[in-house]
Protein backbone atom coordinates (compact mmCIF):
# COMPACT_ATOMS: atom_id res chain seq x y z
CA MET A 1 8.81 -11.20 12.97
CA ALA A 2 7.71 -7.82 12.96
CA SER A 3 8.64 -4.88 10.75
CA SER A 4 8.09 -1.53 12.65
CA ARG A 5 9.84 1.63 11.87
CA LEU A 6 11.10 3.68 15.48
CA PRO A 7 13.78 5.80 14.49
CA VAL A 8 15.55 5.77 17.85
CA ALA A 9 16.24 9.22 17.69
CA ALA A 10 12.45 10.03 17.76
CA ALA A 11 12.35 7.57 20.64
CA LEU A 12 15.30 9.35 22.71
CA LEU A 13 13.72 13.28 21.59
CA ALA A 14 10.60 11.73 23.57
CA LEU A 15 12.49 10.41 26.58
CA ALA A 16 14.16 11.98 30.02
CA ALA A 17 17.70 11.01 30.64
CA CYS A 18 18.60 7.67 32.33
CA SER A 19 17.52 8.56 35.83
CA ASN A 20 19.60 5.66 37.47
CA GLU A 21 22.93 5.76 38.36
CA PRO A 22 24.40 2.38 36.27
CA THR A 23 26.24 -0.03 38.09
CA ALA A 24 29.34 -1.61 36.30
CA ILE A 25 30.68 -4.60 36.54
CA ALA A 26 33.83 -5.31 33.93
CA THR A 27 35.45 -8.36 33.10
CA GLY A 28 38.01 -9.06 30.94
CA SER A 29 35.62 -9.58 27.68
CA PHE A 30 32.57 -7.84 28.73
CA SER A 31 31.02 -5.59 31.05
CA VAL A 32 27.90 -5.64 32.83
CA THR A 33 25.84 -2.63 33.71
CA ALA A 34 22.10 -1.94 35.58
CA MET A 35 20.19 0.30 33.36
CA ASP A 36 16.75 1.14 32.62
CA ALA A 37 15.05 0.84 29.40
CA ARG A 38 15.80 4.39 28.32
CA GLY A 39 19.20 3.90 28.98
CA VAL A 40 19.72 1.08 26.82
CA MET A 41 18.07 3.04 24.16
CA HIS A 42 20.56 5.57 24.71
CA GLN A 43 23.16 3.11 23.98
CA ILE A 44 21.61 1.96 20.80
CA ALA A 45 21.61 5.49 19.63
CA ALA A 46 25.66 5.69 21.03
CA HIS A 47 26.13 3.54 18.01
CA ARG A 48 24.27 5.10 15.01
CA GLY A 49 25.63 4.25 11.67
CA LYS A 50 26.27 0.89 12.41
CA PRO A 51 23.75 -2.24 12.50
CA VAL A 52 22.84 -3.23 15.90
CA LEU A 53 21.24 -6.42 17.21
CA VAL A 54 19.56 -6.27 20.89
CA ASN A 55 18.99 -9.76 22.90
CA LEU A 56 16.67 -9.56 25.47
CA TRP A 57 16.92 -12.48 28.12
CA ALA A 58 17.01 -13.95 31.56
CA THR A 59 19.35 -16.45 33.42
CA TRP A 60 16.10 -17.83 34.45
CA CYS A 61 14.70 -18.33 30.91
CA PRO A 62 16.32 -21.85 29.75
CA PRO A 63 15.43 -20.81 26.21
CA CYS A 64 17.43 -17.48 26.48
CA VAL A 65 20.39 -19.01 27.85
CA ALA A 66 20.28 -21.78 25.31
CA GLU A 67 20.38 -19.49 22.19
CA ILE A 68 23.35 -17.45 23.83
CA PRO A 69 26.32 -19.66 22.51
CA ASP A 70 24.57 -19.42 18.97
CA LEU A 71 24.28 -15.75 19.34
CA ILE A 72 27.88 -15.19 20.09
CA ALA A 73 28.97 -17.64 17.24
CA ALA A 74 26.75 -16.27 14.35
CA THR A 75 27.29 -12.88 15.18
CA LYS A 76 31.52 -12.94 15.24
CA GLY A 77 31.58 -12.01 11.93
CA PHE A 78 28.85 -9.54 12.22
CA ARG A 79 30.64 -7.88 14.71
CA ALA A 80 33.97 -7.85 12.88
CA ARG A 81 32.19 -5.80 9.88
CA GLY A 82 31.18 -3.38 12.25
CA GLY A 83 28.38 -4.16 13.59
CA VAL A 84 27.42 -4.17 17.37
CA VAL A 85 25.26 -6.86 19.50
CA LEU A 86 23.89 -5.41 23.08
CA SER A 87 22.30 -7.86 25.92
CA VAL A 88 19.68 -6.74 27.95
CA ALA A 89 19.29 -9.05 31.11
CA MET A 90 15.65 -9.03 32.19
CA GLU A 91 16.35 -9.95 35.53
CA GLN A 92 15.44 -7.45 37.92
CA LEU A 93 11.83 -8.23 38.01
CA GLY A 94 9.49 -7.78 40.81
CA ASP A 95 11.59 -7.62 44.04
CA VAL A 96 14.62 -8.71 42.94
CA SER A 97 17.19 -5.62 43.41
CA ALA A 98 19.77 -4.38 41.17
CA GLU A 99 22.61 -5.75 43.95
CA ASP A 100 21.31 -9.45 43.28
CA ALA A 101 20.46 -8.94 39.72
CA VAL A 102 23.74 -7.68 37.86
CA PRO A 103 26.14 -10.46 40.03
CA LYS A 104 23.63 -13.26 38.88
CA ALA A 105 23.58 -11.86 35.18
CA THR A 106 27.71 -11.34 35.56
CA ALA A 107 28.25 -14.72 36.25
CA LYS A 108 25.91 -16.51 34.14
CA ALA A 109 27.27 -14.35 30.87
CA LYS A 110 30.69 -15.14 32.09
CA GLU A 111 29.67 -19.16 32.16
CA LEU A 112 28.25 -18.67 28.48
CA GLY A 113 31.09 -16.81 27.25
CA VAL A 114 29.42 -13.36 26.39
CA ASP A 115 32.20 -11.19 24.63
CA PHE A 116 29.61 -8.00 24.61
CA PRO A 117 28.16 -5.77 26.52
CA VAL A 118 24.97 -7.01 29.25
CA PHE A 119 22.86 -4.75 30.60
CA VAL A 120 20.54 -5.23 33.20
CA CYS A 121 16.79 -3.89 33.16
CA THR A 122 16.25 -2.22 35.96
CA ASP A 123 12.91 -1.55 35.01
CA ASP A 124 10.17 -4.15 36.24
CA GLU A 125 7.06 -2.67 34.06
CA MET A 126 6.87 -4.26 30.97
CA LYS A 127 4.81 -1.35 29.76
CA THR A 128 7.33 1.23 29.75
CA ILE A 129 10.16 -1.42 28.16
CA ARG A 130 7.14 -1.34 25.35
CA ALA A 131 6.69 2.18 24.92
CA VAL A 132 10.46 2.88 24.99
CA PHE A 133 11.57 0.49 22.63
CA GLY A 134 8.37 0.93 20.51
CA VAL A 135 7.74 -3.03 20.45
CA GLU A 136 5.47 -5.54 21.78
CA ILE A 137 7.62 -8.01 23.92
CA GLY A 138 5.81 -10.48 25.26
CA GLY A 139 8.15 -13.64 25.44
CA LEU A 140 11.87 -14.29 26.13
CA PRO A 141 14.39 -14.89 24.66
CA GLN A 142 13.31 -11.82 21.89
CA THR A 143 16.22 -9.92 19.22
CA LEU A 144 15.44 -6.77 17.87
CA THR A 145 17.49 -5.38 15.11
CA TYR A 146 18.16 -1.65 14.29
CA ASP A 147 19.97 -0.59 10.91
CA ARG A 148 22.66 1.83 10.36
CA ALA A 149 20.01 4.53 10.77
CA GLY A 150 18.80 3.53 13.91
CA ASN A 151 15.32 2.01 12.75
CA LEU A 152 13.77 -0.86 14.14
CA VAL A 153 14.02 -3.54 11.47
CA GLN A 154 13.21 -6.65 12.92
CA GLN A 155 11.56 -8.43 15.94
CA ASN A 156 12.48 -12.10 16.56
CA GLU A 157 10.50 -13.59 19.33
CA GLY A 158 11.48 -16.82 20.38
CA MET A 159 14.70 -18.66 20.76
CA ALA A 160 16.89 -18.58 17.34
CA THR A 161 19.41 -20.90 15.95
CA ARG A 162 22.52 -19.73 14.63
CA GLU A 163 22.00 -19.96 11.28
CA GLN A 164 18.71 -17.52 12.23
CA PHE A 165 21.07 -15.29 14.16
CA GLU A 166 23.35 -14.96 10.96
CA THR A 167 20.06 -13.96 9.13
CA ILE A 168 18.92 -11.08 11.28
CA ALA A 169 22.43 -10.03 11.38
CA LYS A 170 22.43 -9.61 7.33
CA GLY A 171 19.75 -8.08 7.60
CA ALA A 172 20.25 -5.27 10.32
CA GLU A 173 23.31 -4.61 7.54
CA ARG A 174 21.12 -4.13 4.57
C-alpha cells in the first residue's frame, strides 16, 4: 500500500480535456462509459469534497471479478455517508475496441450487481495511465483512495476482502 500524495487539481491542470467521445450505456442502477484515464481523473475531481475510491479491474481478471461483491457490500455505508465509488474496467487493451469492451463490462457489472459508475478505460498505454493517476499500476485489481481534498492517500494492489475494503473506505473519510 503506497501513500503518495497527488492533488487531483494539480494533475488536471497538467492534462488536456478528455479527447474521446464517451460511449455510455445506462442501466437501472449504474452506467458504463468509455473514457480515457484523463476523463476518469475529471470524474474524480468532480467529486472533490467527498472521499473517493477508484477500483481498477477487468472482466478477464478472476481476482478482480471475485472481489467486486465484497467491494459493493463493504462500501454501502461509505456511499451512504457521501463517499463515492468509481470503477474502471481495463477492458480495452491491445486490439479490443470500445464497441466490444463497453458491452462486455456492462454485462459483467450487471451480473455482479454493481451499483456505482463503471468507466471502461479506452487507453491501452499503461505508461499514460500511470502518469495520469500518478501511481505505479502493476497487476489488477487495484483500488486507489482519494481524500476529500482530492489527494491520493492509498493504493491497494491485489484482491481485497470485505474487511479490507471497509478499512480502505474509512481511510478515505479521514
